Amino acid sequence: MADWRYEEHLRSPVGLAELPSVGHDGVAGGAACGDLVRIVVRVEGDRVADAGFVAEGCGALTVCGSVACELLDGASIRDAARISVDAVADEVGGLHPGKRHAAELVVDALHRALGSAVAA
């Protein structure tokens, strides 16, 4: 079950609405629940220099977007590409099965953004 880290990310999300002005974005969502997330990454060399996100949906989506931005901070492209649904969930002490979709959407958007950055 989620712990204090979940509450911290919900109260003070890292990167929320702090989208890099120049970057690559990835969007995921629109499923039955209506959740939608956009992640933007700015890459310098082989590292993520900046990341931000916008989320429309449940609180878990905001929490997972915040976790992703925290994990991306200064990460190499290779390490960033390895960020998984489990890694995001583990950072907040786990997610209720009904909220795991939030981590799935965030990781999908993150990988789309990284794919755009690598292709550029």
N, C-alpha and C. Protein backbone atom coordinates (compact mmCIF):
# COMPACT_ATOMS: atom_id res chain seq x y z
N MET A 1 0.84 -1.19 0.00
CA MET A 1 0.00 0.00 0.00
C MET A 1 0.88 1.25 0.00
N ALA A 2 0.35 2.33 -0.48
CA ALA A 2 1.09 3.58 -0.60
C ALA A 2 1.50 4.10 0.78
N ASP A 3 2.59 4.83 0.81
CA ASP A 3 3.09 5.35 2.09
C ASP A 3 3.25 6.87 2.03
N TRP A 4 4.01 7.41 2.96
CA TRP A 4 4.18 8.86 3.07
C TRP A 4 4.74 9.48 1.79
N ARG A 5 5.52 8.72 1.03
CA ARG A 5 6.09 9.26 -0.21
C ARG A 5 4.99 9.59 -1.21
N TYR A 6 3.95 8.77 -1.23
CA TYR A 6 2.80 9.03 -2.10
C TYR A 6 2.19 10.38 -1.74
N GLU A 7 1.94 10.58 -0.45
CA GLU A 7 1.35 11.83 0.02
C GLU A 7 2.25 13.03 -0.29
N GLU A 8 3.55 12.86 -0.16
CA GLU A 8 4.50 13.95 -0.45
C GLU A 8 4.44 14.35 -1.92
N HIS A 9 4.42 13.37 -2.81
CA HIS A 9 4.34 13.67 -4.25
C HIS A 9 2.98 14.28 -4.61
N LEU A 10 1.94 13.89 -3.90
CA LEU A 10 0.61 14.46 -4.15
C LEU A 10 0.54 15.91 -3.68
N ARG A 11 1.14 16.20 -2.54
CA ARG A 11 1.15 17.56 -1.99
C ARG A 11 2.07 18.50 -2.74
N SER A 12 3.25 18.01 -3.11
CA SER A 12 4.27 18.85 -3.75
C SER A 12 4.85 18.12 -4.95
N PRO A 13 4.10 18.04 -6.04
CA PRO A 13 4.57 17.28 -7.20
C PRO A 13 5.79 17.92 -7.86
N VAL A 14 6.76 17.10 -8.17
CA VAL A 14 7.98 17.52 -8.86
C VAL A 14 7.67 17.67 -10.34
N GLY A 15 7.95 18.84 -10.91
CA GLY A 15 7.80 19.03 -12.35
C GLY A 15 6.40 19.31 -12.86
N LEU A 16 5.42 19.42 -11.98
CA LEU A 16 4.05 19.65 -12.43
C LEU A 16 3.94 21.01 -13.11
N ALA A 17 3.49 21.01 -14.35
CA ALA A 17 3.30 22.22 -15.16
C ALA A 17 4.58 23.01 -15.36
N GLU A 18 5.72 22.39 -15.11
CA GLU A 18 7.02 23.02 -15.35
C GLU A 18 7.63 22.39 -16.60
N LEU A 19 6.98 22.63 -17.72
CA LEU A 19 7.42 22.02 -18.96
C LEU A 19 8.60 22.78 -19.54
N PRO A 20 9.67 22.07 -19.92
CA PRO A 20 10.79 22.74 -20.57
C PRO A 20 10.29 23.44 -21.84
N SER A 21 10.81 24.64 -22.09
CA SER A 21 10.36 25.40 -23.26
C SER A 21 10.78 24.73 -24.56
N VAL A 22 11.90 24.06 -24.54
CA VAL A 22 12.37 23.32 -25.70
C VAL A 22 12.56 21.88 -25.26
N GLY A 23 11.85 20.98 -25.86
CA GLY A 23 11.97 19.59 -25.44
C GLY A 23 11.17 18.68 -26.33
N HIS A 24 11.13 17.44 -25.92
CA HIS A 24 10.42 16.40 -26.65
C HIS A 24 9.31 15.90 -25.75
N ASP A 25 8.13 15.72 -26.34
CA ASP A 25 7.02 15.33 -25.48
C ASP A 25 6.44 13.98 -25.87
N GLY A 26 5.79 13.41 -24.89
CA GLY A 26 5.07 12.16 -25.06
C GLY A 26 3.74 12.27 -24.34
N VAL A 27 2.70 11.77 -24.95
CA VAL A 27 1.36 11.84 -24.38
C VAL A 27 0.79 10.44 -24.32
N ALA A 28 0.07 10.16 -23.23
CA ALA A 28 -0.61 8.86 -23.10
C ALA A 28 -1.89 9.07 -22.32
N GLY A 29 -2.86 8.25 -22.62
CA GLY A 29 -4.11 8.29 -21.86
C GLY A 29 -5.32 8.25 -22.74
N GLY A 30 -6.41 8.78 -22.18
CA GLY A 30 -7.66 8.79 -22.89
C GLY A 30 -8.43 7.49 -22.77
N ALA A 31 -7.99 6.63 -21.88
CA ALA A 31 -8.68 5.35 -21.67
C ALA A 31 -10.06 5.59 -21.06
N ALA A 32 -10.71 4.54 -20.70
CA ALA A 32 -12.06 4.63 -20.14
C ALA A 32 -12.14 5.58 -18.96
N CYS A 33 -11.06 5.67 -18.17
CA CYS A 33 -11.08 6.54 -16.99
C CYS A 33 -10.90 8.01 -17.36
N GLY A 34 -10.41 8.28 -18.57
CA GLY A 34 -10.23 9.66 -19.01
C GLY A 34 -8.93 10.31 -18.61
N ASP A 35 -8.06 9.59 -17.91
CA ASP A 35 -6.78 10.16 -17.50
C ASP A 35 -5.90 10.45 -18.71
N LEU A 36 -5.18 11.56 -18.65
CA LEU A 36 -4.29 11.98 -19.73
C LEU A 36 -3.06 12.61 -19.12
N VAL A 37 -1.88 12.24 -19.62
CA VAL A 37 -0.63 12.80 -19.11
C VAL A 37 0.27 13.17 -20.28
N ARG A 38 0.95 14.29 -20.14
CA ARG A 38 1.94 14.75 -21.12
C ARG A 38 3.24 14.97 -20.36
N ILE A 39 4.31 14.37 -20.85
CA ILE A 39 5.64 14.54 -20.26
C ILE A 39 6.53 15.16 -21.32
N VAL A 40 7.30 16.17 -20.90
CA VAL A 40 8.25 16.82 -21.79
C VAL A 40 9.64 16.65 -21.19
N VAL A 41 10.59 16.22 -22.02
CA VAL A 41 11.98 16.08 -21.58
C VAL A 41 12.87 16.94 -22.47
N ARG A 42 13.85 17.55 -21.84
CA ARG A 42 14.90 18.26 -22.58
C ARG A 42 16.18 17.47 -22.37
N VAL A 43 16.81 17.13 -23.47
CA VAL A 43 18.01 16.30 -23.44
C VAL A 43 19.21 17.13 -23.85
N GLU A 44 20.29 16.99 -23.10
CA GLU A 44 21.58 17.59 -23.45
C GLU A 44 22.60 16.47 -23.49
N GLY A 45 23.18 16.26 -24.66
CA GLY A 45 24.11 15.14 -24.80
C GLY A 45 23.37 13.83 -24.62
N ASP A 46 23.84 13.03 -23.67
CA ASP A 46 23.17 11.74 -23.42
C ASP A 46 22.42 11.73 -22.09
N ARG A 47 22.07 12.92 -21.58
CA ARG A 47 21.39 13.03 -20.29
C ARG A 47 20.10 13.83 -20.39
N VAL A 48 19.18 13.52 -19.50
CA VAL A 48 17.95 14.31 -19.37
C VAL A 48 18.30 15.53 -18.54
N ALA A 49 18.22 16.70 -19.14
CA ALA A 49 18.57 17.94 -18.46
C ALA A 49 17.39 18.54 -17.70
N ASP A 50 16.18 18.24 -18.16
CA ASP A 50 15.00 18.82 -17.53
C ASP A 50 13.79 17.97 -17.93
N ALA A 51 12.80 17.94 -17.05
CA ALA A 51 11.57 17.20 -17.35
C ALA A 51 10.42 17.85 -16.60
N GLY A 52 9.26 17.81 -17.21
CA GLY A 52 8.05 18.32 -16.57
C GLY A 52 6.86 17.56 -17.10
N PHE A 53 5.72 17.76 -16.47
CA PHE A 53 4.53 17.04 -16.90
C PHE A 53 3.26 17.83 -16.60
N VAL A 54 2.22 17.47 -17.31
CA VAL A 54 0.87 17.96 -17.05
C VAL A 54 -0.02 16.72 -16.99
N ALA A 55 -0.86 16.65 -15.97
CA ALA A 55 -1.73 15.49 -15.81
C ALA A 55 -3.17 15.94 -15.61
N GLU A 56 -4.07 15.26 -16.28
CA GLU A 56 -5.50 15.49 -16.09
C GLU A 56 -6.10 14.15 -15.70
N GLY A 57 -6.55 14.06 -14.47
CA GLY A 57 -7.12 12.80 -14.02
C GLY A 57 -6.98 12.63 -12.52
N CYS A 58 -6.81 11.41 -12.12
CA CYS A 58 -6.78 11.08 -10.70
C CYS A 58 -5.48 11.54 -10.04
N GLY A 59 -5.50 11.59 -8.73
CA GLY A 59 -4.33 11.99 -7.96
C GLY A 59 -3.14 11.07 -8.19
N ALA A 60 -3.41 9.79 -8.41
CA ALA A 60 -2.32 8.84 -8.65
C ALA A 60 -1.54 9.21 -9.91
N LEU A 61 -2.21 9.79 -10.89
CA LEU A 61 -1.54 10.20 -12.12
C LEU A 61 -0.56 11.34 -11.83
N THR A 62 -0.96 12.28 -11.00
CA THR A 62 -0.07 13.36 -10.58
C THR A 62 1.11 12.80 -9.81
N VAL A 63 0.85 11.89 -8.90
CA VAL A 63 1.91 11.28 -8.10
C VAL A 63 2.91 10.58 -9.02
N CYS A 64 2.44 9.79 -9.95
CA CYS A 64 3.33 9.04 -10.83
C CYS A 64 4.10 9.96 -11.78
N GLY A 65 3.47 11.04 -12.25
CA GLY A 65 4.19 12.01 -13.07
C GLY A 65 5.30 12.67 -12.29
N SER A 66 5.04 12.98 -11.04
CA SER A 66 6.04 13.58 -10.16
C SER A 66 7.21 12.62 -9.94
N VAL A 67 6.90 11.37 -9.67
CA VAL A 67 7.94 10.35 -9.48
C VAL A 67 8.80 10.24 -10.73
N ALA A 68 8.16 10.20 -11.90
CA ALA A 68 8.90 10.08 -13.15
C ALA A 68 9.87 11.25 -13.32
N CYS A 69 9.41 12.47 -13.05
CA CYS A 69 10.29 13.63 -13.18
C CYS A 69 11.46 13.55 -12.21
N GLU A 70 11.20 13.07 -11.02
CA GLU A 70 12.27 12.90 -10.04
C GLU A 70 13.28 11.85 -10.51
N LEU A 71 12.80 10.75 -11.04
CA LEU A 71 13.69 9.70 -11.53
C LEU A 71 14.47 10.14 -12.77
N LEU A 72 13.88 11.01 -13.57
CA LEU A 72 14.53 11.49 -14.79
C LEU A 72 15.63 12.50 -14.53
N ASP A 73 15.59 13.17 -13.42
CA ASP A 73 16.51 14.27 -13.13
C ASP A 73 17.97 13.84 -13.27
N GLY A 74 18.61 14.28 -14.35
CA GLY A 74 20.02 14.00 -14.59
C GLY A 74 20.32 12.59 -15.07
N ALA A 75 19.30 11.80 -15.31
CA ALA A 75 19.51 10.41 -15.74
C ALA A 75 20.06 10.35 -17.16
N SER A 76 20.85 9.33 -17.43
CA SER A 76 21.28 9.09 -18.80
C SER A 76 20.05 8.64 -19.60
N ILE A 77 20.11 8.80 -20.90
CA ILE A 77 19.01 8.35 -21.75
C ILE A 77 18.76 6.86 -21.54
N ARG A 78 19.83 6.10 -21.44
CA ARG A 78 19.71 4.65 -21.25
C ARG A 78 18.99 4.33 -19.94
N ASP A 79 19.41 4.98 -18.84
CA ASP A 79 18.76 4.74 -17.55
C ASP A 79 17.31 5.22 -17.55
N ALA A 80 17.07 6.35 -18.20
CA ALA A 80 15.70 6.87 -18.29
C ALA A 80 14.80 5.89 -19.04
N ALA A 81 15.33 5.29 -20.09
CA ALA A 81 14.55 4.33 -20.87
C ALA A 81 14.22 3.07 -20.07
N ARG A 82 14.97 2.83 -19.03
CA ARG A 82 14.74 1.64 -18.18
C ARG A 82 13.73 1.90 -17.07
N ILE A 83 13.24 3.11 -16.94
CA ILE A 83 12.24 3.39 -15.91
C ILE A 83 10.98 2.60 -16.25
N SER A 84 10.55 1.82 -15.29
CA SER A 84 9.43 0.90 -15.51
C SER A 84 8.24 1.26 -14.63
N VAL A 85 7.14 0.63 -14.91
CA VAL A 85 5.93 0.80 -14.10
C VAL A 85 6.24 0.40 -12.66
N ASP A 86 6.94 -0.72 -12.48
CA ASP A 86 7.29 -1.17 -11.13
C ASP A 86 8.20 -0.17 -10.43
N ALA A 87 9.15 0.42 -11.16
CA ALA A 87 10.06 1.41 -10.55
C ALA A 87 9.28 2.62 -10.05
N VAL A 88 8.34 3.09 -10.84
CA VAL A 88 7.52 4.24 -10.44
C VAL A 88 6.69 3.88 -9.21
N ALA A 89 6.03 2.74 -9.25
CA ALA A 89 5.19 2.31 -8.12
C ALA A 89 6.02 2.10 -6.86
N ASP A 90 7.19 1.50 -7.01
CA ASP A 90 8.05 1.23 -5.85
C ASP A 90 8.50 2.51 -5.15
N GLU A 91 8.67 3.58 -5.91
CA GLU A 91 9.12 4.85 -5.32
C GLU A 91 8.13 5.43 -4.31
N VAL A 92 6.88 5.01 -4.40
CA VAL A 92 5.87 5.52 -3.46
C VAL A 92 5.32 4.39 -2.59
N GLY A 93 6.10 3.34 -2.45
CA GLY A 93 5.69 2.25 -1.58
C GLY A 93 4.64 1.35 -2.16
N GLY A 94 4.47 1.39 -3.47
CA GLY A 94 3.48 0.56 -4.15
C GLY A 94 2.21 1.33 -4.46
N LEU A 95 1.45 0.79 -5.38
CA LEU A 95 0.17 1.40 -5.77
C LEU A 95 -0.94 0.37 -5.63
N HIS A 96 -2.10 0.83 -5.25
CA HIS A 96 -3.29 -0.02 -5.21
C HIS A 96 -3.52 -0.53 -6.64
N PRO A 97 -3.90 -1.79 -6.80
CA PRO A 97 -4.11 -2.32 -8.16
C PRO A 97 -5.02 -1.44 -9.03
N GLY A 98 -5.98 -0.78 -8.43
CA GLY A 98 -6.87 0.09 -9.18
C GLY A 98 -6.23 1.39 -9.64
N LYS A 99 -5.05 1.69 -9.12
CA LYS A 99 -4.34 2.93 -9.49
C LYS A 99 -3.07 2.66 -10.30
N ARG A 100 -2.78 1.39 -10.54
CA ARG A 100 -1.57 1.04 -11.28
C ARG A 100 -1.60 1.60 -12.70
N HIS A 101 -2.80 1.80 -13.24
CA HIS A 101 -2.91 2.36 -14.60
C HIS A 101 -2.22 3.72 -14.69
N ALA A 102 -2.17 4.45 -13.59
CA ALA A 102 -1.52 5.77 -13.60
C ALA A 102 -0.04 5.62 -13.91
N ALA A 103 0.62 4.67 -13.28
CA ALA A 103 2.04 4.42 -13.55
C ALA A 103 2.23 3.94 -14.99
N GLU A 104 1.31 3.12 -15.47
CA GLU A 104 1.40 2.63 -16.85
C GLU A 104 1.31 3.78 -17.85
N LEU A 105 0.39 4.71 -17.63
CA LEU A 105 0.26 5.85 -18.53
C LEU A 105 1.49 6.75 -18.49
N VAL A 106 1.98 7.01 -17.29
CA VAL A 106 3.15 7.88 -17.15
C VAL A 106 4.37 7.26 -17.83
N VAL A 107 4.59 5.99 -17.62
CA VAL A 107 5.75 5.33 -18.24
C VAL A 107 5.59 5.29 -19.76
N ASP A 108 4.38 5.09 -20.24
CA ASP A 108 4.13 5.13 -21.69
C ASP A 108 4.48 6.51 -22.24
N ALA A 109 3.99 7.56 -21.61
CA ALA A 109 4.28 8.93 -22.07
C ALA A 109 5.77 9.23 -21.99
N LEU A 110 6.41 8.78 -20.92
CA LEU A 110 7.85 8.98 -20.75
C LEU A 110 8.63 8.32 -21.87
N HIS A 111 8.30 7.09 -22.19
CA HIS A 111 9.01 6.38 -23.25
C HIS A 111 8.75 7.01 -24.62
N ARG A 112 7.56 7.53 -24.83
CA ARG A 112 7.27 8.24 -26.09
C ARG A 112 8.13 9.51 -26.20
N ALA A 113 8.25 10.24 -25.10
CA ALA A 113 9.07 11.46 -25.10
C ALA A 113 10.53 11.12 -25.36
N LEU A 114 11.03 10.09 -24.72
CA LEU A 114 12.42 9.68 -24.94
C LEU A 114 12.64 9.21 -26.37
N GLY A 115 11.66 8.49 -26.91
CA GLY A 115 11.76 8.05 -28.30
C GLY A 115 11.85 9.22 -29.26
N SER A 116 11.08 10.26 -28.98
CA SER A 116 11.12 11.47 -29.79
C SER A 116 12.48 12.14 -29.68
N ALA A 117 13.04 12.16 -28.48
CA ALA A 117 14.35 12.79 -28.26
C ALA A 117 15.45 12.04 -28.98
N VAL A 118 15.40 10.73 -28.94
CA VAL A 118 16.43 9.91 -29.57
C VAL A 118 16.34 10.01 -31.09
N ALA A 119 15.12 10.12 -31.61
CA ALA A 119 14.92 10.20 -33.06
C ALA A 119 15.33 11.55 -33.63
N ALA A 120 15.41 12.57 -32.78
CA ALA A 120 15.71 13.93 -33.26
C ALA A 120 17.15 14.08 -33.68
